[in-house]
Amino acid sequence: MTSDDAASAHAQLHKEISQESWENRNRLRGYIYSQGYRDPDLSVLENDTQVRYYQARLKPNFVFSHGEPWPLLVQCFRYAHKEFHHKEGKQPRPEGHRKAWLLAFRDGKGPVEIARELGIDRGTAAEWRDRAQERLKSLPPDELDHLR
């Protein structure tokens, strides 16, 4: 392989990665939005996710384990999400978890109704409700007083 061939292959790879990122951009933004994030955090998480995706795709002999970019993008988001909150020095408290908890425990709605109202699937609704419940259980009593 000549240096021209290598440069051409590298340029083609960059083009493929850019195309994959572009094709999945709206889906990624929707996913991040569904996790409770809004701009400017949504854009920061989107950019960090795409950087991680780009770095992963550039690795030699890379092969999609599921045959498509989406599962890798989700995994890259998870890492970007974790790093984002590590930099902020706080744990995530997405708005979606709060809404799910309120709908469940204040309004007495089940996962199907929560899912319908928030525009998510019922498994995610149940997960968000349960995560919020676990967070509340872990709070010290003095922090819970203002919630009563």
C-alpha atoms as a PDB file:
ATOM      1  CA  MET A   1       0.000   0.000   0.000  1.00  0.00           C
ATOM      2  CA  THR A   2       1.429   3.353  -0.995  1.00  0.00           C
ATOM      3  CA  SER A   3       1.173   6.517   1.040  1.00  0.00           C
ATOM      4  CA  ASP A   4      -1.436   7.838  -1.427  1.00  0.00           C
ATOM      5  CA  ASP A   5      -3.552   4.716  -0.884  1.00  0.00           C
ATOM      6  CA  ALA A   6      -3.233   5.072   2.889  1.00  0.00           C
ATOM      7  CA  ALA A   7      -4.192   8.742   2.737  1.00  0.00           C
ATOM      8  CA  SER A   8      -7.164   7.908   0.533  1.00  0.00           C
ATOM      9  CA  ALA A   9      -8.319   5.138   2.902  1.00  0.00           C
ATOM     10  CA  HIS A  10      -7.931   7.489   5.880  1.00  0.00           C
ATOM     11  CA  ALA A  11      -9.941  10.214   4.114  1.00  0.00           C
ATOM     12  CA  GLN A  12     -12.646   7.669   3.221  1.00  0.00           C
ATOM     13  CA  LEU A  13     -12.858   6.531   6.841  1.00  0.00           C
ATOM     14  CA  HIS A  14     -13.245  10.135   8.034  1.00  0.00           C
ATOM     15  CA  LYS A  15     -15.999  10.629   5.474  1.00  0.00           C
ATOM     16  CA  GLU A  16     -17.828   7.465   6.638  1.00  0.00           C
ATOM     17  CA  ILE A  17     -17.613   8.494  10.286  1.00  0.00           C
ATOM     18  CA  SER A  18     -18.893  11.988   9.510  1.00  0.00           C
ATOM     19  CA  GLN A  19     -21.792  10.522   7.535  1.00  0.00           C
ATOM     20  CA  GLU A  20     -22.691   8.117  10.361  1.00  0.00           C
ATOM     21  CA  SER A  21     -22.591  10.959  12.881  1.00  0.00           C
ATOM     22  CA  TRP A  22     -24.780  13.135  10.686  1.00  0.00           C
ATOM     23  CA  GLU A  23     -27.323  10.368  10.039  1.00  0.00           C
ATOM     24  CA  ASN A  24     -27.663   9.636  13.765  1.00  0.00           C
ATOM     25  CA  ARG A  25     -27.513  13.223  15.047  1.00  0.00           C
ATOM     26  CA  ASN A  26     -31.248  13.752  15.558  1.00  0.00           C
ATOM     27  CA  ARG A  27     -31.679  10.328  17.122  1.00  0.00           C
ATOM     28  CA  LEU A  28     -28.784  11.020  19.505  1.00  0.00           C
ATOM     29  CA  ARG A  29     -30.168  14.438  20.463  1.00  0.00           C
ATOM     30  CA  GLY A  30     -33.583  12.868  21.047  1.00  0.00           C
ATOM     31  CA  TYR A  31     -32.035  10.193  23.227  1.00  0.00           C
ATOM     32  CA  ILE A  32     -30.130  12.751  25.309  1.00  0.00           C
ATOM     33  CA  TYR A  33     -33.303  14.860  25.553  1.00  0.00           C
ATOM     34  CA  SER A  34     -35.244  11.803  26.749  1.00  0.00           C
ATOM     35  CA  GLN A  35     -32.695  11.438  29.543  1.00  0.00           C
ATOM     36  CA  GLY A  36     -33.806  14.835  30.851  1.00  0.00           C
ATOM     37  CA  TYR A  37     -31.134  17.126  29.415  1.00  0.00           C
ATOM     38  CA  ARG A  38     -31.741  20.464  27.727  1.00  0.00           C
ATOM     39  CA  ASP A  39     -29.395  22.946  26.074  1.00  0.00           C
ATOM     40  CA  PRO A  40     -26.664  23.876  26.751  1.00  0.00           C
ATOM     41  CA  ASP A  41     -25.971  20.544  28.519  1.00  0.00           C
ATOM     42  CA  LEU A  42     -27.635  18.614  25.697  1.00  0.00           C
ATOM     43  CA  SER A  43     -25.248  20.094  23.109  1.00  0.00           C
ATOM     44  CA  VAL A  44     -22.218  19.497  25.328  1.00  0.00           C
ATOM     45  CA  LEU A  45     -23.199  15.856  25.816  1.00  0.00           C
ATOM     46  CA  GLU A  46     -23.913  15.441  22.100  1.00  0.00           C
ATOM     47  CA  ASN A  47     -20.499  16.828  21.145  1.00  0.00           C
ATOM     48  CA  ASP A  48     -18.658  14.754  23.750  1.00  0.00           C
ATOM     49  CA  THR A  49     -20.500  11.650  22.572  1.00  0.00           C
ATOM     50  CA  GLN A  50     -19.581  12.283  18.949  1.00  0.00           C
ATOM     51  CA  VAL A  51     -15.918  12.839  19.856  1.00  0.00           C
ATOM     52  CA  ARG A  52     -15.853   9.510  21.698  1.00  0.00           C
ATOM     53  CA  TYR A  53     -17.613   7.832  18.762  1.00  0.00           C
ATOM     54  CA  TYR A  54     -15.096   9.285  16.320  1.00  0.00           C
ATOM     55  CA  GLN A  55     -12.160   8.088  18.445  1.00  0.00           C
ATOM     56  CA  ALA A  56     -13.615   4.592  18.735  1.00  0.00           C
ATOM     57  CA  ARG A  57     -14.247   4.339  14.994  1.00  0.00           C
ATOM     58  CA  LEU A  58     -10.669   5.383  14.180  1.00  0.00           C
ATOM     59  CA  LYS A  59      -9.201   2.387  15.995  1.00  0.00           C
ATOM     60  CA  PRO A  60      -7.529  -0.124  13.670  1.00  0.00           C
ATOM     61  CA  ASN A  61      -9.623  -3.152  12.712  1.00  0.00           C
ATOM     62  CA  PHE A  62     -12.788  -1.617  14.177  1.00  0.00           C
ATOM     63  CA  VAL A  63     -15.964  -3.642  13.559  1.00  0.00           C
ATOM     64  CA  PHE A  64     -19.475  -2.787  14.772  1.00  0.00           C
ATOM     65  CA  SER A  65     -20.488  -5.444  17.268  1.00  0.00           C
ATOM     66  CA  HIS A  66     -24.174  -4.992  16.377  1.00  0.00           C
ATOM     67  CA  GLY A  67     -23.723  -4.146  12.706  1.00  0.00           C
ATOM     68  CA  GLU A  68     -24.799  -0.515  13.048  1.00  0.00           C
ATOM     69  CA  PRO A  69     -23.588   2.727  14.683  1.00  0.00           C
ATOM     70  CA  TRP A  70     -26.439   3.284  17.172  1.00  0.00           C
ATOM     71  CA  PRO A  71     -25.363   0.884  19.976  1.00  0.00           C
ATOM     72  CA  LEU A  72     -21.853   2.357  19.872  1.00  0.00           C
ATOM     73  CA  LEU A  73     -23.271   5.891  20.052  1.00  0.00           C
ATOM     74  CA  VAL A  74     -25.332   4.946  23.110  1.00  0.00           C
ATOM     75  CA  GLN A  75     -22.249   3.467  24.789  1.00  0.00           C
ATOM     76  CA  CYS A  76     -20.241   6.589  23.916  1.00  0.00           C
ATOM     77  CA  PHE A  77     -23.039   8.698  25.442  1.00  0.00           C
ATOM     78  CA  ARG A  78     -22.848   6.691  28.668  1.00  0.00           C
ATOM     79  CA  TYR A  79     -19.139   7.435  28.973  1.00  0.00           C
ATOM     80  CA  ALA A  80     -19.620  11.097  28.018  1.00  0.00           C
ATOM     81  CA  HIS A  81     -22.490  11.341  30.513  1.00  0.00           C
ATOM     82  CA  LYS A  82     -20.376   9.909  33.319  1.00  0.00           C
ATOM     83  CA  GLU A  83     -17.462  12.230  32.510  1.00  0.00           C
ATOM     84  CA  PHE A  84     -19.793  15.241  32.227  1.00  0.00           C
ATOM     85  CA  HIS A  85     -21.068  14.723  35.773  1.00  0.00           C
ATOM     86  CA  HIS A  86     -17.633  13.904  37.096  1.00  0.00           C
ATOM     87  CA  LYS A  87     -16.414  17.293  35.808  1.00  0.00           C
ATOM     88  CA  GLU A  88     -19.443  18.989  37.368  1.00  0.00           C
ATOM     89  CA  GLY A  89     -18.767  17.268  40.685  1.00  0.00           C
ATOM     90  CA  LYS A  90     -22.353  16.078  41.088  1.00  0.00           C
ATOM     91  CA  GLN A  91     -24.527  13.130  40.254  1.00  0.00           C
ATOM     92  CA  PRO A  92     -27.052  13.455  37.449  1.00  0.00           C
ATOM     93  CA  ARG A  93     -30.607  14.303  38.402  1.00  0.00           C
ATOM     94  CA  PRO A  94     -32.344  14.404  35.049  1.00  0.00           C
ATOM     95  CA  GLU A  95     -35.711  16.098  34.887  1.00  0.00           C
ATOM     96  CA  GLY A  96     -37.252  12.961  33.407  1.00  0.00           C
ATOM     97  CA  HIS A  97     -36.654  10.953  36.602  1.00  0.00           C
ATOM     98  CA  ARG A  98     -38.299  13.671  38.663  1.00  0.00           C
ATOM     99  CA  LYS A  99     -41.327  13.832  36.379  1.00  0.00           C
ATOM    100  CA  ALA A 100     -41.706  10.043  36.411  1.00  0.00           C
ATOM    101  CA  TRP A 101     -41.552   9.964  40.203  1.00  0.00           C
ATOM    102  CA  LEU A 102     -44.111  12.750  40.554  1.00  0.00           C
ATOM    103  CA  LEU A 103     -46.485  11.086  38.123  1.00  0.00           C
ATOM    104  CA  ALA A 104     -46.145   7.763  39.965  1.00  0.00           C
ATOM    105  CA  PHE A 105     -46.247   8.824  43.596  1.00  0.00           C
ATOM    106  CA  ARG A 106     -48.089  12.137  43.524  1.00  0.00           C
ATOM    107  CA  ASP A 107     -50.572  11.345  40.762  1.00  0.00           C
ATOM    108  CA  GLY A 108     -50.756   7.562  41.276  1.00  0.00           C
ATOM    109  CA  LYS A 109     -50.024   6.697  37.639  1.00  0.00           C
ATOM    110  CA  GLY A 110     -48.508   3.433  36.457  1.00  0.00           C
ATOM    111  CA  PRO A 111     -45.614   2.938  34.028  1.00  0.00           C
ATOM    112  CA  VAL A 112     -47.894   2.776  30.971  1.00  0.00           C
ATOM    113  CA  GLU A 113     -49.547   6.113  31.806  1.00  0.00           C
ATOM    114  CA  ILE A 114     -46.191   7.708  32.693  1.00  0.00           C
ATOM    115  CA  ALA A 115     -44.711   6.463  29.437  1.00  0.00           C
ATOM    116  CA  ARG A 116     -47.604   7.864  27.443  1.00  0.00           C
ATOM    117  CA  GLU A 117     -47.376  11.258  29.143  1.00  0.00           C
ATOM    118  CA  LEU A 118     -43.575  11.577  28.852  1.00  0.00           C
ATOM    119  CA  GLY A 119     -43.341  10.053  25.373  1.00  0.00           C
ATOM    120  CA  ILE A 120     -41.064   7.169  26.401  1.00  0.00           C
ATOM    121  CA  ASP A 121     -41.474   3.399  26.592  1.00  0.00           C
ATOM    122  CA  ARG A 122     -42.938   1.868  29.746  1.00  0.00           C
ATOM    123  CA  GLY A 123     -39.699   0.110  30.709  1.00  0.00           C
ATOM    124  CA  THR A 124     -37.877   3.436  30.740  1.00  0.00           C
ATOM    125  CA  ALA A 125     -40.748   4.997  32.719  1.00  0.00           C
ATOM    126  CA  ALA A 126     -40.495   2.275  35.355  1.00  0.00           C
ATOM    127  CA  GLU A 127     -36.715   2.596  35.464  1.00  0.00           C
ATOM    128  CA  TRP A 128     -36.860   6.383  35.905  1.00  0.00           C
ATOM    129  CA  ARG A 129     -39.469   6.053  38.660  1.00  0.00           C
ATOM    130  CA  ASP A 130     -37.366   3.437  40.464  1.00  0.00           C
ATOM    131  CA  ARG A 131     -34.155   5.467  40.166  1.00  0.00           C
ATOM    132  CA  ALA A 132     -35.853   8.532  41.620  1.00  0.00           C
ATOM    133  CA  GLN A 133     -37.259   6.396  44.462  1.00  0.00           C
ATOM    134  CA  GLU A 134     -33.786   5.006  45.223  1.00  0.00           C
ATOM    135  CA  ARG A 135     -32.309   8.524  45.263  1.00  0.00           C
ATOM    136  CA  LEU A 136     -34.948   9.661  47.720  1.00  0.00           C
ATOM    137  CA  LYS A 137     -34.240   6.686  49.990  1.00  0.00           C
ATOM    138  CA  SER A 138     -30.550   7.580  50.014  1.00  0.00           C
ATOM    139  CA  LEU A 139     -31.093  11.195  51.123  1.00  0.00           C
ATOM    140  CA  PRO A 140     -30.533  12.127  54.766  1.00  0.00           C
ATOM    141  CA  PRO A 141     -33.749  12.950  56.692  1.00  0.00           C
ATOM    142  CA  ASP A 142     -32.904  16.653  56.966  1.00  0.00           C
ATOM    143  CA  GLU A 143     -32.796  16.942  53.166  1.00  0.00           C
ATOM    144  CA  LEU A 144     -36.145  15.187  52.851  1.00  0.00           C
ATOM    145  CA  ASP A 145     -37.969  17.636  55.154  1.00  0.00           C
ATOM    146  CA  HIS A 146     -38.519  20.226  52.437  1.00  0.00           C
ATOM    147  CA  LEU A 147     -40.108  17.581  50.191  1.00  0.00           C
ATOM    148  CA  ARG A 148     -42.881  16.768  52.695  1.00  0.00           C
END
